[in-house]
């Protein structure tokens, strides 16, 4: 799996994300959901190159700063996973929304623009109901605005389940990553077949 911009002879699926995408704590980064999806792409005979641009600890502001460099290659499908670290740091949801909106807007300015997939996150419950409602609304709102495919919550069926998370209680185990890959693949497969 590629991790940096290079000329490609096949359409590119770019996974832009945090430690969840990078595969923090896993013995092999290919055990993270982008690597598992790459295997699905190959098994389905779909002509795509998968690029994992996950960076552990990155906020949505960091993802926005890296975007222009990542878009030096032609990207056909952008899968965006960001915002979890913003919430863990209690950053204002309005700032997170603005960063994600800017990422999607810049991607759409490419010619031709990539198809967009947004992997939603949820704020930790300890931040209070007002924060949660403001944060959790970011992903469906921006998916509608940018006509993106939405996975409502990347960690659905994984978050809060000890057997599916590493000792830190935050980062998924290989089994947790497999569940994430299943969730993302269900949203991504029809899109790839329509683009490819």
Protein backbone atom coordinates (compact mmCIF):
# COMPACT_ATOMS: atom_id res chain seq x y z
CA UNK A 1 0.00 0.00 0.00
CA UNK A 2 1.33 3.41 -0.95
CA UNK A 3 1.67 6.20 1.60
CA UNK A 4 2.86 9.18 -0.47
CA UNK A 5 1.94 10.91 -3.73
CA UNK A 6 3.38 9.25 -6.81
CA UNK A 7 2.18 9.02 -10.40
CA UNK A 8 -0.33 6.21 -10.67
CA UNK A 9 -1.53 4.23 -13.64
CA UNK A 10 -4.67 3.18 -11.77
CA UNK A 11 -7.33 5.35 -10.10
CA UNK A 12 -6.36 6.30 -6.55
CA UNK A 13 -8.36 5.86 -3.35
CA UNK A 14 -6.83 8.19 -0.76
CA UNK A 15 -7.55 7.50 2.91
CA UNK A 16 -6.86 10.73 4.82
CA UNK A 17 -7.09 10.19 8.55
CA UNK A 18 -5.75 9.84 12.07
CA UNK A 19 -4.27 6.95 14.07
CA UNK A 20 -7.46 4.97 13.34
CA UNK A 21 -6.50 5.06 9.66
CA UNK A 22 -2.74 4.78 10.22
CA UNK A 23 -3.19 1.59 12.28
CA UNK A 24 -1.67 2.81 15.55
CA UNK A 25 -0.56 -0.05 17.80
CA UNK A 26 -0.96 -2.77 15.17
CA UNK A 27 1.90 -5.14 14.33
CA UNK A 28 1.50 -4.26 10.64
CA UNK A 29 -0.13 -1.08 9.28
CA UNK A 30 -1.75 -3.20 6.56
CA UNK A 31 -3.99 -4.58 9.35
CA UNK A 32 -5.66 -1.15 9.54
CA UNK A 33 -8.93 -0.80 7.65
CA UNK A 34 -7.38 0.84 4.52
CA UNK A 35 -5.08 -2.17 4.09
CA UNK A 36 -7.99 -4.56 4.58
CA UNK A 37 -10.01 -2.61 2.03
CA UNK A 38 -7.09 -2.79 -0.38
CA UNK A 39 -7.37 -6.60 -0.18
CA UNK A 40 -11.12 -6.35 -0.86
CA UNK A 41 -10.43 -4.12 -3.87
CA UNK A 42 -7.97 -6.69 -5.24
CA UNK A 43 -10.33 -9.61 -4.56
CA UNK A 44 -13.15 -7.77 -6.36
CA UNK A 45 -10.88 -7.19 -9.37
CA UNK A 46 -11.35 -3.42 -9.14
CA UNK A 47 -8.57 -1.33 -10.73
CA UNK A 48 -7.58 0.96 -7.84
CA UNK A 49 -4.44 1.91 -5.96
CA UNK A 50 -4.97 2.46 -2.22
CA UNK A 51 -2.98 5.20 -0.47
CA UNK A 52 -3.03 5.30 3.34
CA UNK A 53 -2.37 8.88 4.47
CA UNK A 54 -3.21 8.31 8.13
CA UNK A 55 -1.15 10.19 10.73
CA UNK A 56 -1.43 9.40 14.42
CA UNK A 57 -2.43 12.30 16.65
CA UNK A 58 -3.44 14.55 13.79
CA UNK A 59 -6.29 17.03 14.12
CA UNK A 60 -8.54 18.24 11.32
CA UNK A 61 -6.31 21.34 11.06
CA UNK A 62 -3.30 19.09 10.43
CA UNK A 63 -5.17 17.14 7.76
CA UNK A 64 -6.07 20.41 6.06
CA UNK A 65 -2.41 21.53 6.13
CA UNK A 66 -1.30 18.28 4.42
CA UNK A 67 -4.03 18.23 1.83
CA UNK A 68 -2.41 20.25 -0.96
CA UNK A 69 0.64 17.98 -0.89
CA UNK A 70 -1.54 14.86 -0.99
CA UNK A 71 -3.57 16.24 -3.90
CA UNK A 72 -0.43 16.55 -6.04
CA UNK A 73 -1.44 13.11 -7.25
CA UNK A 74 -4.76 12.64 -9.00
CA UNK A 75 -7.21 11.32 -6.40
CA UNK A 76 -10.32 9.57 -7.68
CA UNK A 77 -11.90 8.75 -4.31
CA UNK A 78 -11.15 10.62 -1.08
CA UNK A 79 -12.07 8.80 2.13
CA UNK A 80 -11.87 11.31 4.98
CA UNK A 81 -11.55 10.29 8.64
CA UNK A 82 -10.73 13.23 10.88
CA UNK A 83 -12.02 15.07 13.92
CA UNK A 84 -11.62 12.42 16.63
CA UNK A 85 -8.50 14.09 18.03
CA UNK A 86 -10.23 17.46 17.89
CA UNK A 87 -12.96 16.10 20.17
CA UNK A 88 -10.50 14.35 22.48
CA UNK A 89 -8.82 17.74 22.96
CA UNK A 90 -12.14 19.52 23.44
CA UNK A 91 -11.57 21.82 20.48
CA UNK A 92 -14.56 23.91 19.37
CA UNK A 93 -16.79 21.91 17.01
CA UNK A 94 -17.12 25.01 14.82
CA UNK A 95 -13.37 24.91 14.13
CA UNK A 96 -13.52 21.20 13.29
CA UNK A 97 -16.47 21.81 10.98
CA UNK A 98 -14.63 24.65 9.21
CA UNK A 99 -11.51 22.49 8.69
CA UNK A 100 -13.44 19.51 7.31
CA UNK A 101 -15.51 21.81 5.11
CA UNK A 102 -12.27 23.34 3.76
CA UNK A 103 -10.79 19.89 3.06
CA UNK A 104 -13.84 18.84 1.09
CA UNK A 105 -14.01 22.17 -0.76
CA UNK A 106 -10.35 21.95 -1.78
CA UNK A 107 -10.80 18.38 -2.94
CA UNK A 108 -13.81 19.43 -5.02
CA UNK A 109 -11.68 22.10 -6.71
CA UNK A 110 -9.58 19.36 -8.36
CA UNK A 111 -10.27 18.60 -12.00
CA UNK A 112 -11.93 16.20 -12.16
CA UNK A 113 -13.01 16.22 -8.50
CA UNK A 114 -12.75 12.99 -6.50
CA UNK A 115 -15.79 11.18 -5.20
CA UNK A 116 -16.05 11.86 -1.46
CA UNK A 117 -16.61 9.52 1.47
CA UNK A 118 -16.88 10.91 5.00
CA UNK A 119 -16.27 8.62 7.96
CA UNK A 120 -18.20 10.14 10.84
CA UNK A 121 -17.01 10.34 14.41
CA UNK A 122 -18.79 10.94 17.70
CA UNK A 123 -17.57 13.07 20.59
CA UNK A 124 -16.82 11.39 23.93
CA UNK A 125 -19.86 11.59 26.25
CA UNK A 126 -17.88 13.29 29.04
CA UNK A 127 -17.86 16.55 27.02
CA UNK A 128 -21.55 17.17 27.72
CA UNK A 129 -24.70 17.07 25.62
CA UNK A 130 -24.31 20.54 24.06
CA UNK A 131 -20.82 19.74 22.77
CA UNK A 132 -21.96 16.31 21.57
CA UNK A 133 -24.87 17.63 19.55
CA UNK A 134 -22.71 20.33 17.91
CA UNK A 135 -19.88 17.91 17.14
CA UNK A 136 -21.97 14.94 16.00
CA UNK A 137 -23.91 17.12 13.52
CA UNK A 138 -20.74 18.01 11.61
CA UNK A 139 -20.55 14.82 9.54
CA UNK A 140 -24.14 14.46 8.25
CA UNK A 141 -24.33 18.21 7.60
CA UNK A 142 -21.14 18.27 5.54
CA UNK A 143 -21.99 15.03 3.74
CA UNK A 144 -25.22 16.67 2.55
CA UNK A 145 -23.46 19.91 1.60
CA UNK A 146 -20.74 18.16 -0.43
CA UNK A 147 -22.89 15.27 -1.72
CA UNK A 148 -20.55 12.79 -0.06
CA UNK A 149 -21.19 9.21 0.90
CA UNK A 150 -21.51 9.12 4.71
CA UNK A 151 -20.55 6.36 7.11
CA UNK A 152 -22.30 7.80 10.19
CA UNK A 153 -19.84 6.43 12.78
CA UNK A 154 -16.60 4.66 11.84
CA UNK A 155 -16.35 2.96 15.23
CA UNK A 156 -19.93 1.61 15.21
CA UNK A 157 -19.90 -1.76 17.00
CA UNK A 158 -16.26 -1.21 18.05
CA UNK A 159 -16.12 1.80 20.40
CA UNK A 160 -16.50 0.89 24.05
CA UNK A 161 -16.07 -2.87 23.48
CA UNK A 162 -12.92 -3.96 25.35
CA UNK A 163 -12.32 -7.07 23.22
CA UNK A 164 -12.18 -4.93 20.07
CA UNK A 165 -9.86 -2.25 21.43
CA UNK A 166 -6.26 -2.14 22.56
CA UNK A 167 -5.36 -1.57 26.21
CA UNK A 168 -5.74 2.20 25.80
CA UNK A 169 -9.47 1.70 25.14
CA UNK A 170 -9.25 4.00 22.08
CA UNK A 171 -7.42 2.23 19.28
CA UNK A 172 -8.99 -0.86 17.70
CA UNK A 173 -7.39 -4.30 17.70
CA UNK A 174 -7.01 -6.17 14.40
CA UNK A 175 -10.52 -7.58 14.96
CA UNK A 176 -11.87 -4.08 15.59
CA UNK A 177 -10.19 -2.90 12.40
CA UNK A 178 -11.85 -5.76 10.50
CA UNK A 179 -15.26 -4.54 11.70
CA UNK A 180 -14.38 -0.99 10.62
CA UNK A 181 -13.27 -2.28 7.20
CA UNK A 182 -16.61 -4.10 6.77
CA UNK A 183 -18.51 -0.93 7.57
CA UNK A 184 -16.46 1.23 5.20
CA UNK A 185 -16.48 -1.40 2.44
CA UNK A 186 -20.29 -1.53 2.43
CA UNK A 187 -20.32 2.20 1.64
CA UNK A 188 -17.30 2.20 -0.66
CA UNK A 189 -17.87 -0.85 -2.87
CA UNK A 190 -20.89 0.54 -4.80
CA UNK A 191 -19.05 3.83 -5.27
CA UNK A 192 -15.94 2.11 -6.65
CA UNK A 193 -18.02 0.05 -9.07
CA UNK A 194 -19.74 3.21 -10.34
CA UNK A 195 -16.46 5.15 -10.73
CA UNK A 196 -14.33 2.35 -12.09
